[in-house]
Amino acid sequence: MGTNDAWGGGNENVAKFKQNLQLVIDSCKARGIQPIIARVLATNPAITKWQVHPDFQKAVDELTRANKLIKGPDLYTWFLAHPEQLNGESDGVHPNAIGAASIQKLWAEKMAFLYGGCPNNEITPYLKINNDKLNIIASANLKQNDTLIISPQVNGTGTWSWKGPDDFSSKMREIRIDKIKIKQAGKYVVIFINTDNCFSTYTFNINVEKKENKLIINNHE
C-alpha cells in the first residue's frame, strides 16, 4: 500500500495515508487479525522521474511501533537496490515477474519465524565506485581498473563471509577491490550469521567492461 498516495514524490498525502492505515489496523485487530505492513515500494526514478517521499516510510515505521505490530519486509530498500525488477520503459512502478517473485521471497523470509523458522536480519546493500558516495544498489557496471567497495549493513551483530568469482572469499563485512579486472566480474554472495545462528544472504551483481585505449594523433603542418 502507498504507491498511489506517494505518486509524484510529494508528501502532502502522508497524513491521510497514515490515518487510513490506522483504520485498517484497528479493523483487523477488532476481528482478531494481526496486520503486518510492508514499507512502500521504491520506484525507478530514471523512468518515473520521482521517488517515494521518505515520510511514507516513516509513517509505516511509526504505525508498526505504535501498534506493536510485527515488522514487515522493507520493499522500499529492495526495489531501490533492484530497479531492474520494476517494469521498464514507460512504467518504473509495478514489479515485473522477477520483482513479484522477490516480493514473495521477502515476505516468506520475514514471516518464517512465525512458523518455527529462524529470525534473520535484513541486509541493506551499499556499493561505491571510485570516488563516488556509497549508494543503496545491488548491481553495478564498472570499467577495468576501477575501484569497487561493497559495504552491506544490518541492524545487529554477527559474522560475515563472502564468495565470488576468481575464487574470491572474505570474512570481512566490507570488501574493497582495487583496479578490478574482467575476471573479477560476476556474482558476489555475502552471508551474515547473527547471534541466534540465523543467516541472511545477499547477492551483488558486478559487471566489468574492458577499458578502451584511446589513440591520440597530433597532426603537425
N, C-alpha and C. Protein backbone atom coordinates (compact mmCIF):
# COMPACT_ATOMS: atom_id res chain seq x y z
N MET A 1 0.83 -1.20 0.00
CA MET A 1 0.00 0.00 0.00
C MET A 1 0.87 1.25 0.00
N GLY A 2 0.38 2.30 -0.65
CA GLY A 2 1.06 3.57 -0.53
C GLY A 2 1.55 4.21 -1.82
N THR A 3 1.74 3.42 -2.86
CA THR A 3 2.34 3.98 -4.08
C THR A 3 1.46 5.09 -4.67
N ASN A 4 0.15 4.85 -4.76
CA ASN A 4 -0.73 5.88 -5.32
C ASN A 4 -0.75 7.13 -4.44
N ASP A 5 -0.71 6.94 -3.11
CA ASP A 5 -0.67 8.09 -2.19
C ASP A 5 0.60 8.90 -2.39
N ALA A 6 1.69 8.21 -2.70
CA ALA A 6 3.00 8.86 -2.81
C ALA A 6 3.30 9.34 -4.22
N TRP A 7 2.35 9.18 -5.13
CA TRP A 7 2.60 9.45 -6.55
C TRP A 7 3.10 10.87 -6.77
N GLY A 8 4.16 10.98 -7.52
CA GLY A 8 4.72 12.28 -7.86
C GLY A 8 5.86 12.71 -6.95
N GLY A 9 6.06 12.01 -5.82
CA GLY A 9 7.20 12.29 -4.95
C GLY A 9 6.95 13.25 -3.82
N GLY A 10 5.72 13.78 -3.70
CA GLY A 10 5.43 14.71 -2.62
C GLY A 10 5.01 13.99 -1.34
N ASN A 11 4.79 14.77 -0.27
CA ASN A 11 4.37 14.19 1.00
C ASN A 11 3.05 14.76 1.50
N GLU A 12 2.31 15.42 0.61
CA GLU A 12 1.06 16.05 1.03
C GLU A 12 -0.02 15.04 1.42
N ASN A 13 0.11 13.79 0.99
CA ASN A 13 -0.89 12.78 1.31
C ASN A 13 -0.51 11.89 2.49
N VAL A 14 0.61 12.18 3.14
CA VAL A 14 1.11 11.30 4.20
C VAL A 14 0.11 11.19 5.36
N ALA A 15 -0.44 12.31 5.80
CA ALA A 15 -1.35 12.28 6.95
C ALA A 15 -2.57 11.41 6.66
N LYS A 16 -3.14 11.56 5.47
CA LYS A 16 -4.31 10.75 5.10
C LYS A 16 -3.94 9.28 4.96
N PHE A 17 -2.78 9.03 4.36
CA PHE A 17 -2.27 7.67 4.22
C PHE A 17 -2.13 7.00 5.59
N LYS A 18 -1.56 7.72 6.54
CA LYS A 18 -1.35 7.19 7.88
C LYS A 18 -2.69 6.95 8.58
N GLN A 19 -3.61 7.88 8.40
CA GLN A 19 -4.93 7.73 9.01
C GLN A 19 -5.66 6.51 8.45
N ASN A 20 -5.60 6.33 7.14
CA ASN A 20 -6.26 5.18 6.52
C ASN A 20 -5.64 3.86 6.98
N LEU A 21 -4.31 3.83 7.09
CA LEU A 21 -3.66 2.61 7.55
C LEU A 21 -4.05 2.29 8.99
N GLN A 22 -4.19 3.32 9.81
CA GLN A 22 -4.61 3.08 11.20
C GLN A 22 -6.02 2.49 11.24
N LEU A 23 -6.89 2.93 10.34
CA LEU A 23 -8.24 2.36 10.26
C LEU A 23 -8.18 0.87 9.89
N VAL A 24 -7.28 0.55 8.95
CA VAL A 24 -7.09 -0.86 8.56
C VAL A 24 -6.60 -1.67 9.76
N ILE A 25 -5.62 -1.14 10.47
CA ILE A 25 -5.07 -1.83 11.64
C ILE A 25 -6.14 -2.06 12.70
N ASP A 26 -6.91 -1.01 13.01
CA ASP A 26 -7.96 -1.12 14.03
C ASP A 26 -9.03 -2.14 13.62
N SER A 27 -9.39 -2.11 12.34
CA SER A 27 -10.41 -3.03 11.84
C SER A 27 -9.93 -4.48 11.93
N CYS A 28 -8.66 -4.71 11.57
CA CYS A 28 -8.09 -6.06 11.65
C CYS A 28 -8.07 -6.55 13.10
N LYS A 29 -7.56 -5.72 13.99
CA LYS A 29 -7.45 -6.14 15.39
C LYS A 29 -8.81 -6.41 16.01
N ALA A 30 -9.83 -5.63 15.62
CA ALA A 30 -11.18 -5.83 16.15
C ALA A 30 -11.76 -7.18 15.73
N ARG A 31 -11.20 -7.77 14.67
CA ARG A 31 -11.67 -9.06 14.17
C ARG A 31 -10.67 -10.18 14.43
N GLY A 32 -9.73 -9.93 15.31
CA GLY A 32 -8.77 -10.97 15.68
C GLY A 32 -7.72 -11.24 14.64
N ILE A 33 -7.48 -10.28 13.74
CA ILE A 33 -6.49 -10.44 12.68
C ILE A 33 -5.26 -9.61 13.02
N GLN A 34 -4.08 -10.19 12.87
CA GLN A 34 -2.83 -9.47 13.12
C GLN A 34 -2.32 -8.87 11.82
N PRO A 35 -2.43 -7.56 11.62
CA PRO A 35 -1.93 -6.96 10.38
C PRO A 35 -0.40 -6.81 10.40
N ILE A 36 0.21 -6.91 9.24
CA ILE A 36 1.64 -6.70 9.07
C ILE A 36 1.81 -5.80 7.86
N ILE A 37 2.54 -4.72 8.01
CA ILE A 37 2.65 -3.71 6.96
C ILE A 37 4.06 -3.69 6.39
N ALA A 38 4.15 -3.77 5.07
CA ALA A 38 5.44 -3.62 4.40
C ALA A 38 5.71 -2.15 4.11
N ARG A 39 6.97 -1.80 4.02
CA ARG A 39 7.33 -0.44 3.60
C ARG A 39 7.01 -0.29 2.11
N VAL A 40 6.63 0.92 1.72
CA VAL A 40 6.16 1.20 0.36
C VAL A 40 7.28 0.96 -0.66
N LEU A 41 6.94 0.31 -1.77
CA LEU A 41 7.92 0.03 -2.82
C LEU A 41 8.54 1.31 -3.35
N ALA A 42 9.83 1.26 -3.59
CA ALA A 42 10.51 2.35 -4.30
C ALA A 42 10.13 2.30 -5.77
N THR A 43 10.31 3.41 -6.46
CA THR A 43 10.14 3.44 -7.92
C THR A 43 11.51 3.38 -8.57
N ASN A 44 11.52 3.34 -9.88
CA ASN A 44 12.75 3.53 -10.65
C ASN A 44 12.75 4.96 -11.16
N PRO A 45 13.40 5.88 -10.44
CA PRO A 45 13.30 7.32 -10.79
C PRO A 45 13.89 7.66 -12.15
N ALA A 46 14.72 6.78 -12.70
CA ALA A 46 15.23 7.03 -14.05
C ALA A 46 14.10 7.02 -15.06
N ILE A 47 12.99 6.33 -14.71
CA ILE A 47 11.84 6.26 -15.60
C ILE A 47 10.71 7.17 -15.11
N THR A 48 10.40 7.09 -13.81
CA THR A 48 9.27 7.86 -13.28
C THR A 48 9.59 9.33 -13.09
N LYS A 49 10.88 9.64 -12.90
CA LYS A 49 11.34 11.00 -12.57
C LYS A 49 10.92 11.44 -11.18
N TRP A 50 10.50 10.50 -10.32
CA TRP A 50 10.20 10.81 -8.93
C TRP A 50 10.44 9.56 -8.08
N GLN A 51 10.59 9.79 -6.78
CA GLN A 51 10.79 8.69 -5.83
C GLN A 51 9.83 8.87 -4.67
N VAL A 52 9.44 7.77 -4.05
CA VAL A 52 8.54 7.82 -2.90
C VAL A 52 9.17 8.66 -1.80
N HIS A 53 8.41 9.62 -1.27
CA HIS A 53 8.93 10.51 -0.23
C HIS A 53 9.21 9.70 1.04
N PRO A 54 10.34 9.96 1.71
CA PRO A 54 10.69 9.20 2.91
C PRO A 54 9.66 9.29 4.03
N ASP A 55 8.81 10.31 4.02
CA ASP A 55 7.79 10.43 5.08
C ASP A 55 6.80 9.28 5.04
N PHE A 56 6.61 8.64 3.87
CA PHE A 56 5.72 7.48 3.81
C PHE A 56 6.33 6.29 4.52
N GLN A 57 7.65 6.09 4.37
CA GLN A 57 8.32 5.00 5.09
C GLN A 57 8.32 5.28 6.59
N LYS A 58 8.50 6.55 6.94
CA LYS A 58 8.46 6.94 8.34
C LYS A 58 7.10 6.65 8.94
N ALA A 59 6.02 6.90 8.18
CA ALA A 59 4.66 6.63 8.66
C ALA A 59 4.45 5.14 8.92
N VAL A 60 4.94 4.31 8.01
CA VAL A 60 4.81 2.85 8.19
C VAL A 60 5.56 2.41 9.44
N ASP A 61 6.78 2.92 9.62
CA ASP A 61 7.58 2.55 10.78
C ASP A 61 6.91 3.00 12.08
N GLU A 62 6.37 4.21 12.08
CA GLU A 62 5.71 4.73 13.29
C GLU A 62 4.46 3.92 13.63
N LEU A 63 3.67 3.56 12.63
CA LEU A 63 2.47 2.76 12.87
C LEU A 63 2.83 1.37 13.38
N THR A 64 3.91 0.82 12.84
CA THR A 64 4.35 -0.51 13.29
C THR A 64 4.74 -0.48 14.76
N ARG A 65 5.49 0.55 15.16
CA ARG A 65 5.91 0.67 16.56
C ARG A 65 4.72 0.98 17.47
N ALA A 66 3.91 1.96 17.09
CA ALA A 66 2.82 2.42 17.96
C ALA A 66 1.77 1.33 18.20
N ASN A 67 1.56 0.48 17.20
CA ASN A 67 0.54 -0.57 17.32
C ASN A 67 1.13 -1.93 17.69
N LYS A 68 2.46 -1.92 17.98
CA LYS A 68 3.15 -3.15 18.39
C LYS A 68 2.93 -4.27 17.36
N LEU A 69 3.16 -3.94 16.10
CA LEU A 69 2.99 -4.90 15.03
C LEU A 69 4.30 -5.62 14.72
N ILE A 70 4.20 -6.77 14.13
CA ILE A 70 5.37 -7.45 13.59
C ILE A 70 5.86 -6.62 12.40
N LYS A 71 7.14 -6.40 12.32
CA LYS A 71 7.71 -5.58 11.25
C LYS A 71 7.65 -6.32 9.92
N GLY A 72 7.09 -5.66 8.92
CA GLY A 72 7.00 -6.26 7.59
C GLY A 72 8.28 -6.09 6.80
N PRO A 73 8.34 -6.64 5.59
CA PRO A 73 9.55 -6.53 4.78
C PRO A 73 9.77 -5.11 4.27
N ASP A 74 11.01 -4.78 4.05
CA ASP A 74 11.39 -3.45 3.56
C ASP A 74 11.42 -3.48 2.03
N LEU A 75 10.24 -3.36 1.43
CA LEU A 75 10.16 -3.40 -0.03
C LEU A 75 10.78 -2.15 -0.66
N TYR A 76 10.81 -1.06 0.09
CA TYR A 76 11.41 0.17 -0.44
C TYR A 76 12.90 -0.04 -0.73
N THR A 77 13.64 -0.49 0.27
CA THR A 77 15.08 -0.67 0.07
C THR A 77 15.37 -1.70 -1.00
N TRP A 78 14.56 -2.77 -1.05
CA TRP A 78 14.81 -3.82 -2.04
C TRP A 78 14.72 -3.25 -3.46
N PHE A 79 13.64 -2.52 -3.77
CA PHE A 79 13.48 -2.03 -5.13
C PHE A 79 14.32 -0.79 -5.41
N LEU A 80 14.74 -0.10 -4.36
CA LEU A 80 15.72 0.96 -4.54
C LEU A 80 17.03 0.35 -5.04
N ALA A 81 17.36 -0.82 -4.51
CA ALA A 81 18.60 -1.51 -4.89
C ALA A 81 18.44 -2.33 -6.15
N HIS A 82 17.20 -2.67 -6.53
CA HIS A 82 16.94 -3.51 -7.70
C HIS A 82 15.91 -2.86 -8.62
N PRO A 83 16.21 -1.67 -9.16
CA PRO A 83 15.23 -1.01 -10.05
C PRO A 83 14.94 -1.81 -11.30
N GLU A 84 15.86 -2.71 -11.68
CA GLU A 84 15.64 -3.53 -12.87
C GLU A 84 14.50 -4.53 -12.67
N GLN A 85 14.04 -4.71 -11.42
CA GLN A 85 12.93 -5.62 -11.15
C GLN A 85 11.57 -4.92 -11.21
N LEU A 86 11.58 -3.66 -11.66
CA LEU A 86 10.35 -2.94 -11.95
C LEU A 86 10.18 -2.87 -13.46
N ASN A 87 8.94 -2.82 -13.92
CA ASN A 87 8.70 -2.76 -15.36
C ASN A 87 9.42 -1.57 -15.96
N GLY A 88 10.10 -1.81 -17.04
CA GLY A 88 10.90 -0.76 -17.65
C GLY A 88 10.13 0.07 -18.65
N GLU A 89 10.88 0.84 -19.44
CA GLU A 89 10.35 1.70 -20.49
C GLU A 89 9.40 2.76 -19.93
N SER A 90 8.08 2.52 -19.97
CA SER A 90 7.12 3.57 -19.60
C SER A 90 6.56 3.42 -18.20
N ASP A 91 7.06 2.46 -17.40
CA ASP A 91 6.45 2.21 -16.10
C ASP A 91 7.36 2.65 -14.96
N GLY A 92 8.21 1.75 -14.48
CA GLY A 92 9.10 2.10 -13.38
C GLY A 92 8.45 2.06 -12.02
N VAL A 93 7.22 1.52 -11.94
CA VAL A 93 6.48 1.46 -10.69
C VAL A 93 6.08 0.04 -10.32
N HIS A 94 5.50 -0.69 -11.29
CA HIS A 94 4.99 -2.03 -10.99
C HIS A 94 6.09 -3.08 -11.15
N PRO A 95 6.18 -4.04 -10.23
CA PRO A 95 7.19 -5.09 -10.34
C PRO A 95 6.97 -5.94 -11.58
N ASN A 96 8.07 -6.35 -12.21
CA ASN A 96 7.97 -7.35 -13.27
C ASN A 96 7.93 -8.74 -12.64
N ALA A 97 8.04 -9.79 -13.46
CA ALA A 97 7.92 -11.15 -12.93
C ALA A 97 8.99 -11.45 -11.89
N ILE A 98 10.21 -10.98 -12.13
CA ILE A 98 11.30 -11.20 -11.16
C ILE A 98 11.03 -10.42 -9.88
N GLY A 99 10.54 -9.20 -10.02
CA GLY A 99 10.21 -8.39 -8.85
C GLY A 99 9.10 -8.99 -8.03
N ALA A 100 8.09 -9.56 -8.70
CA ALA A 100 6.98 -10.20 -7.98
C ALA A 100 7.49 -11.40 -7.19
N ALA A 101 8.41 -12.17 -7.79
CA ALA A 101 8.99 -13.31 -7.08
C ALA A 101 9.81 -12.84 -5.88
N SER A 102 10.50 -11.71 -6.03
CA SER A 102 11.28 -11.17 -4.92
C SER A 102 10.38 -10.76 -3.76
N ILE A 103 9.22 -10.16 -4.07
CA ILE A 103 8.28 -9.78 -3.01
C ILE A 103 7.83 -11.02 -2.23
N GLN A 104 7.51 -12.08 -2.94
CA GLN A 104 7.11 -13.32 -2.27
C GLN A 104 8.23 -13.85 -1.39
N LYS A 105 9.46 -13.79 -1.90
CA LYS A 105 10.61 -14.27 -1.14
C LYS A 105 10.82 -13.43 0.12
N LEU A 106 10.72 -12.11 -0.01
CA LEU A 106 10.93 -11.22 1.13
C LEU A 106 9.87 -11.44 2.21
N TRP A 107 8.62 -11.62 1.80
CA TRP A 107 7.57 -11.91 2.77
C TRP A 107 7.81 -13.26 3.45
N ALA A 108 8.19 -14.27 2.66
CA ALA A 108 8.42 -15.60 3.23
C ALA A 108 9.55 -15.57 4.26
N GLU A 109 10.63 -14.86 3.94
CA GLU A 109 11.76 -14.77 4.87
C GLU A 109 11.38 -14.02 6.14
N LYS A 110 10.62 -12.94 5.97
CA LYS A 110 10.23 -12.14 7.13
C LYS A 110 9.27 -12.89 8.05
N MET A 111 8.41 -13.73 7.49
CA MET A 111 7.40 -14.43 8.29
C MET A 111 7.83 -15.82 8.75
N ALA A 112 9.00 -16.27 8.32
CA ALA A 112 9.43 -17.64 8.60
C ALA A 112 9.43 -17.96 10.09
N PHE A 113 9.82 -17.00 10.94
CA PHE A 113 9.93 -17.28 12.37
C PHE A 113 8.56 -17.56 13.00
N LEU A 114 7.48 -17.11 12.37
CA LEU A 114 6.13 -17.39 12.90
C LEU A 114 5.78 -18.87 12.76
N TYR A 115 6.50 -19.56 11.88
CA TYR A 115 6.20 -20.97 11.62
C TYR A 115 7.39 -21.85 12.02
N GLY A 116 8.14 -21.39 13.01
CA GLY A 116 9.24 -22.19 13.51
C GLY A 116 10.56 -21.96 12.82
N GLY A 117 10.59 -20.99 11.90
CA GLY A 117 11.83 -20.69 11.20
C GLY A 117 12.73 -19.78 12.01
N CYS A 118 13.74 -19.28 11.37
CA CYS A 118 14.78 -18.50 12.05
C CYS A 118 14.60 -17.01 11.76
N PRO A 119 14.63 -16.16 12.78
CA PRO A 119 14.53 -14.71 12.53
C PRO A 119 15.83 -14.15 11.97
N ASN A 120 15.81 -13.81 10.68
CA ASN A 120 17.05 -13.32 10.08
C ASN A 120 17.11 -11.80 10.12
N ASN A 121 18.20 -11.26 9.64
CA ASN A 121 18.42 -9.81 9.61
C ASN A 121 18.39 -9.32 8.17
N GLU A 122 17.64 -8.24 7.92
CA GLU A 122 17.62 -7.68 6.58
C GLU A 122 18.96 -7.01 6.28
N ILE A 123 19.51 -7.34 5.14
CA ILE A 123 20.77 -6.75 4.69
C ILE A 123 20.47 -5.59 3.76
N THR A 124 21.06 -4.44 4.04
CA THR A 124 20.94 -3.28 3.15
C THR A 124 22.20 -3.21 2.29
N PRO A 125 22.04 -3.26 0.97
CA PRO A 125 23.23 -3.30 0.09
C PRO A 125 23.76 -1.91 -0.24
N TYR A 126 25.04 -1.73 -0.08
CA TYR A 126 25.69 -0.46 -0.45
C TYR A 126 26.87 -0.76 -1.36
N LEU A 127 26.99 0.05 -2.42
CA LEU A 127 28.14 -0.03 -3.33
C LEU A 127 28.76 1.34 -3.49
N LYS A 128 30.07 1.35 -3.71
CA LYS A 128 30.78 2.59 -4.02
C LYS A 128 31.77 2.31 -5.13
N ILE A 129 31.74 3.17 -6.15
CA ILE A 129 32.65 3.02 -7.29
C ILE A 129 33.57 4.24 -7.34
N ASN A 130 34.85 3.98 -7.29
CA ASN A 130 35.87 5.04 -7.31
C ASN A 130 35.59 6.07 -6.22
N ASN A 131 35.47 7.34 -6.57
CA ASN A 131 35.29 8.39 -5.57
C ASN A 131 33.84 8.78 -5.35
N ASP A 132 32.94 7.99 -5.90
CA ASP A 132 31.51 8.26 -5.70
C ASP A 132 31.13 7.97 -4.25
N LYS A 133 29.93 8.38 -3.83
CA LYS A 133 29.46 8.07 -2.48
C LYS A 133 28.89 6.66 -2.43
N LEU A 134 28.69 6.14 -1.21
CA LEU A 134 28.01 4.86 -1.05
C LEU A 134 26.56 5.00 -1.47
N ASN A 135 26.09 4.10 -2.33
CA ASN A 135 24.71 4.12 -2.79
C ASN A 135 24.03 2.79 -2.49
N ILE A 136 22.73 2.86 -2.19
CA ILE A 136 21.96 1.63 -2.00
C ILE A 136 21.68 1.05 -3.37
N ILE A 137 22.43 0.05 -3.75
CA ILE A 137 22.30 -0.58 -5.05
C ILE A 137 22.95 -1.96 -4.95
N ALA A 138 22.45 -2.90 -5.74
CA ALA A 138 22.97 -4.27 -5.65
C ALA A 138 23.66 -4.73 -6.92
N SER A 139 23.77 -3.85 -7.90
CA SER A 139 24.47 -4.21 -9.13
C SER A 139 25.18 -2.98 -9.66
N ALA A 140 26.23 -3.20 -10.43
CA ALA A 140 26.99 -2.06 -10.93
C ALA A 140 27.76 -2.46 -12.18
N ASN A 141 27.97 -1.49 -13.06
CA ASN A 141 28.80 -1.66 -14.24
C ASN A 141 30.07 -0.86 -14.06
N LEU A 142 31.20 -1.54 -14.11
CA LEU A 142 32.49 -0.90 -13.90
C LEU A 142 33.36 -1.03 -15.13
N LYS A 143 34.42 -0.23 -15.17
CA LYS A 143 35.46 -0.35 -16.17
C LYS A 143 36.68 -1.01 -15.53
N GLN A 144 37.49 -1.63 -16.35
CA GLN A 144 38.75 -2.17 -15.85
C GLN A 144 39.52 -1.11 -15.07
N ASN A 145 40.12 -1.54 -13.96
CA ASN A 145 40.95 -0.69 -13.10
C ASN A 145 40.15 0.25 -12.21
N ASP A 146 38.81 0.19 -12.26
CA ASP A 146 38.01 0.94 -11.29
C ASP A 146 38.19 0.34 -9.90
N THR A 147 37.86 1.14 -8.90
CA THR A 147 37.86 0.66 -7.51
C THR A 147 36.42 0.41 -7.07
N LEU A 148 36.18 -0.75 -6.48
CA LEU A 148 34.84 -1.13 -6.03
C LEU A 148 34.86 -1.41 -4.53
N ILE A 149 33.89 -0.83 -3.83
CA ILE A 149 33.67 -1.15 -2.41
C ILE A 149 32.25 -1.67 -2.27
N ILE A 150 32.11 -2.85 -1.69
CA ILE A 150 30.80 -3.42 -1.38
C ILE A 150 30.66 -3.42 0.13
N SER A 151 29.63 -2.73 0.63
CA SER A 151 29.54 -2.47 2.08
C SER A 151 28.13 -2.78 2.60
N PRO A 152 27.74 -4.06 2.70
CA PRO A 152 26.41 -4.40 3.23
C PRO A 152 26.30 -4.02 4.71
N GLN A 153 25.09 -3.68 5.13
CA GLN A 153 24.87 -3.28 6.52
C GLN A 153 23.61 -3.95 7.07
N VAL A 154 23.64 -4.25 8.37
CA VAL A 154 22.49 -4.85 9.06
C VAL A 154 22.34 -4.20 10.43
N ASN A 155 21.15 -4.34 10.99
CA ASN A 155 20.94 -4.00 12.40
C ASN A 155 21.16 -5.26 13.21
N GLY A 156 22.23 -5.29 13.96
CA GLY A 156 22.55 -6.48 14.74
C GLY A 156 24.01 -6.83 14.63
N THR A 157 24.40 -7.81 15.38
CA THR A 157 25.80 -8.26 15.38
C THR A 157 25.88 -9.70 14.93
N GLY A 158 27.02 -10.04 14.35
CA GLY A 158 27.22 -11.39 13.87
C GLY A 158 28.48 -11.48 13.04
N THR A 159 28.57 -12.52 12.22
CA THR A 159 29.76 -12.75 11.40
C THR A 159 29.39 -12.71 9.92
N TRP A 160 30.41 -12.45 9.10
CA TRP A 160 30.21 -12.32 7.66
C TRP A 160 31.12 -13.28 6.91
N SER A 161 30.65 -13.71 5.75
CA SER A 161 31.51 -14.49 4.86
C SER A 161 31.09 -14.23 3.42
N TRP A 162 32.07 -14.24 2.53
CA TRP A 162 31.85 -13.92 1.12
C TRP A 162 32.35 -15.03 0.22
N LYS A 163 31.68 -15.17 -0.93
CA LYS A 163 32.17 -15.97 -2.03
C LYS A 163 31.91 -15.21 -3.31
N GLY A 164 32.87 -15.31 -4.26
CA GLY A 164 32.71 -14.59 -5.50
C GLY A 164 33.56 -15.17 -6.61
N PRO A 165 33.58 -14.52 -7.76
CA PRO A 165 34.35 -15.02 -8.91
C PRO A 165 35.85 -15.00 -8.66
N ASP A 166 36.54 -15.76 -9.45
CA ASP A 166 38.00 -15.85 -9.38
C ASP A 166 38.45 -16.32 -7.99
N ASP A 167 37.66 -17.27 -7.41
CA ASP A 167 37.96 -17.87 -6.10
C ASP A 167 37.99 -16.84 -4.98
N PHE A 168 37.21 -15.78 -5.12
CA PHE A 168 37.19 -14.75 -4.08
C PHE A 168 36.50 -15.25 -2.82
N SER A 169 37.07 -14.89 -1.65
CA SER A 169 36.45 -15.18 -0.36
C SER A 169 36.93 -14.15 0.65
N SER A 170 36.11 -13.92 1.67
CA SER A 170 36.48 -12.96 2.71
C SER A 170 35.61 -13.20 3.93
N LYS A 171 36.13 -12.78 5.09
CA LYS A 171 35.38 -12.83 6.34
C LYS A 171 35.07 -11.41 6.86
N MET A 172 35.36 -10.42 6.05
CA MET A 172 35.11 -9.04 6.42
C MET A 172 33.69 -8.65 6.02
N ARG A 173 33.13 -7.63 6.70
CA ARG A 173 31.82 -7.13 6.28
C ARG A 173 31.96 -6.36 4.97
N GLU A 174 32.89 -5.44 4.93
CA GLU A 174 33.09 -4.61 3.75
C GLU A 174 34.28 -5.12 2.96
N ILE A 175 34.10 -5.20 1.65
CA ILE A 175 35.21 -5.64 0.81
C ILE A 175 35.57 -4.52 -0.18
N ARG A 176 36.83 -4.48 -0.52
CA ARG A 176 37.34 -3.46 -1.44
C ARG A 176 38.19 -4.16 -2.51
N ILE A 177 37.92 -3.80 -3.76
CA ILE A 177 38.68 -4.36 -4.87
C ILE A 177 39.28 -3.19 -5.65
N ASP A 178 40.59 -3.07 -5.61
CA ASP A 178 41.28 -2.02 -6.35
C ASP A 178 41.69 -2.54 -7.73
N LYS A 179 41.60 -1.66 -8.71
CA LYS A 179 41.99 -2.00 -10.09
C LYS A 179 41.33 -3.31 -10.52
N ILE A 180 40.01 -3.30 -10.51
CA ILE A 180 39.25 -4.52 -10.80
C ILE A 180 39.53 -5.02 -12.21
N LYS A 181 39.53 -6.34 -12.36
CA LYS A 181 39.84 -6.99 -13.63
C LYS A 181 38.58 -7.65 -14.21
N ILE A 182 38.62 -7.96 -15.49
CA ILE A 182 37.50 -8.60 -16.16
C ILE A 182 37.11 -9.90 -15.47
N LYS A 183 38.11 -10.68 -15.06
CA LYS A 183 37.84 -11.98 -14.45
C LYS A 183 37.20 -11.86 -13.07
N GLN A 184 37.17 -10.66 -12.52
CA GLN A 184 36.55 -10.45 -11.22
C GLN A 184 35.08 -10.04 -11.32
N ALA A 185 34.55 -10.01 -12.54
CA ALA A 185 33.13 -9.73 -12.73
C ALA A 185 32.31 -10.97 -12.35
N GLY A 186 31.09 -10.75 -11.90
CA GLY A 186 30.20 -11.86 -11.56
C GLY A 186 29.38 -11.60 -10.32
N LYS A 187 28.93 -12.66 -9.69
CA LYS A 187 28.06 -12.56 -8.50
C LYS A 187 28.90 -12.69 -7.23
N TYR A 188 28.74 -11.70 -6.34
CA TYR A 188 29.38 -11.72 -5.02
C TYR A 188 28.28 -11.98 -3.99
N VAL A 189 28.38 -13.12 -3.33
CA VAL A 189 27.34 -13.55 -2.39
C VAL A 189 27.87 -13.42 -0.97
N VAL A 190 27.14 -12.65 -0.15
CA VAL A 190 27.54 -12.48 1.24
C VAL A 190 26.55 -13.20 2.14
N ILE A 191 27.06 -13.80 3.21
CA ILE A 191 26.23 -14.47 4.21
C ILE A 191 26.50 -13.81 5.56
N PHE A 192 25.43 -13.41 6.22
CA PHE A 192 25.53 -12.84 7.57
C PHE A 192 24.88 -13.82 8.54
N ILE A 193 25.60 -14.21 9.58
CA ILE A 193 25.08 -15.12 10.61
C ILE A 193 24.98 -14.34 11.91
N ASN A 194 23.76 -14.21 12.44
CA ASN A 194 23.57 -13.41 13.65
C ASN A 194 23.85 -14.22 14.91
N THR A 195 23.66 -13.62 16.06
CA THR A 195 24.00 -14.27 17.33
C THR A 195 23.05 -15.41 17.68
N ASP A 196 21.91 -15.51 16.96
CA ASP A 196 21.00 -16.65 17.13
C ASP A 196 21.32 -17.78 16.17
N ASN A 197 22.44 -17.62 15.44
CA ASN A 197 22.89 -18.59 14.45
C ASN A 197 21.94 -18.68 13.25
N CYS A 198 21.22 -17.59 13.00
CA CYS A 198 20.34 -17.50 11.84
C CYS A 198 21.06 -16.70 10.75
N PHE A 199 20.91 -17.12 9.49
CA PHE A 199 21.69 -16.47 8.45
C PHE A 199 20.82 -15.74 7.43
N SER A 200 21.40 -14.69 6.86
CA SER A 200 20.80 -13.93 5.76
C SER A 200 21.81 -13.90 4.63
N THR A 201 21.33 -13.88 3.41
CA THR A 201 22.22 -13.81 2.25
C THR A 201 21.82 -12.66 1.34
N TYR A 202 22.80 -12.18 0.58
CA TYR A 202 22.53 -11.14 -0.41
C TYR A 202 23.51 -11.33 -1.56
N THR A 203 23.02 -11.08 -2.77
CA THR A 203 23.85 -11.24 -3.96
C THR A 203 24.05 -9.90 -4.66
N PHE A 204 25.30 -9.57 -4.92
CA PHE A 204 25.66 -8.36 -5.66
C PHE A 204 26.13 -8.78 -7.05
N ASN A 205 25.60 -8.13 -8.08
CA ASN A 205 25.97 -8.45 -9.46
C ASN A 205 26.89 -7.37 -10.00
N ILE A 206 28.10 -7.77 -10.34
CA ILE A 206 29.12 -6.82 -10.79
C ILE A 206 29.54 -7.15 -12.22
N ASN A 207 29.43 -6.14 -13.08
CA ASN A 207 29.86 -6.28 -14.46
C ASN A 207 31.09 -5.40 -14.69
N VAL A 208 32.09 -5.94 -15.38
CA VAL A 208 33.31 -5.19 -15.65
C VAL A 208 33.54 -5.16 -17.16
N GLU A 209 33.61 -3.95 -17.72
CA GLU A 209 33.85 -3.78 -19.14
C GLU A 209 35.32 -3.46 -19.40
N LYS A 210 35.77 -3.91 -20.54
CA LYS A 210 37.16 -3.64 -20.91
C LYS A 210 37.34 -2.17 -21.17
N LYS A 211 38.38 -1.60 -20.59
CA LYS A 211 38.65 -0.18 -20.77
C LYS A 211 39.27 0.05 -22.14
N GLU A 212 38.67 0.97 -22.88
CA GLU A 212 39.18 1.25 -24.22
C GLU A 212 40.43 2.12 -24.15
N ASN A 213 41.40 1.74 -24.95
CA ASN A 213 42.60 2.56 -25.06
C ASN A 213 42.40 3.60 -26.16
N LYS A 214 42.58 4.85 -25.80
CA LYS A 214 42.40 5.93 -26.77
C LYS A 214 43.72 6.24 -27.48
N LEU A 215 43.63 6.33 -28.78
CA LEU A 215 44.80 6.67 -29.59
C LEU A 215 44.73 8.15 -29.94
N ILE A 216 45.72 8.90 -29.51
CA ILE A 216 45.75 10.33 -29.77
C ILE A 216 46.81 10.62 -30.82
N ILE A 217 46.39 11.24 -31.91
CA ILE A 217 47.31 11.56 -33.01
C ILE A 217 47.40 13.07 -33.12
N ASN A 218 48.59 13.59 -33.03
CA ASN A 218 48.81 15.02 -33.20
C ASN A 218 49.28 15.29 -34.62
N ASN A 219 48.50 16.09 -35.32
CA ASN A 219 48.88 16.45 -36.68
C ASN A 219 49.66 17.76 -36.67
N HIS A 220 50.76 17.78 -37.36
CA HIS A 220 51.57 18.99 -37.45
C HIS A 220 51.72 19.35 -38.92
N GLU A 221 51.42 20.55 -39.24
CA GLU A 221 51.59 21.01 -40.62
C GLU A 221 53.02 21.48 -40.85
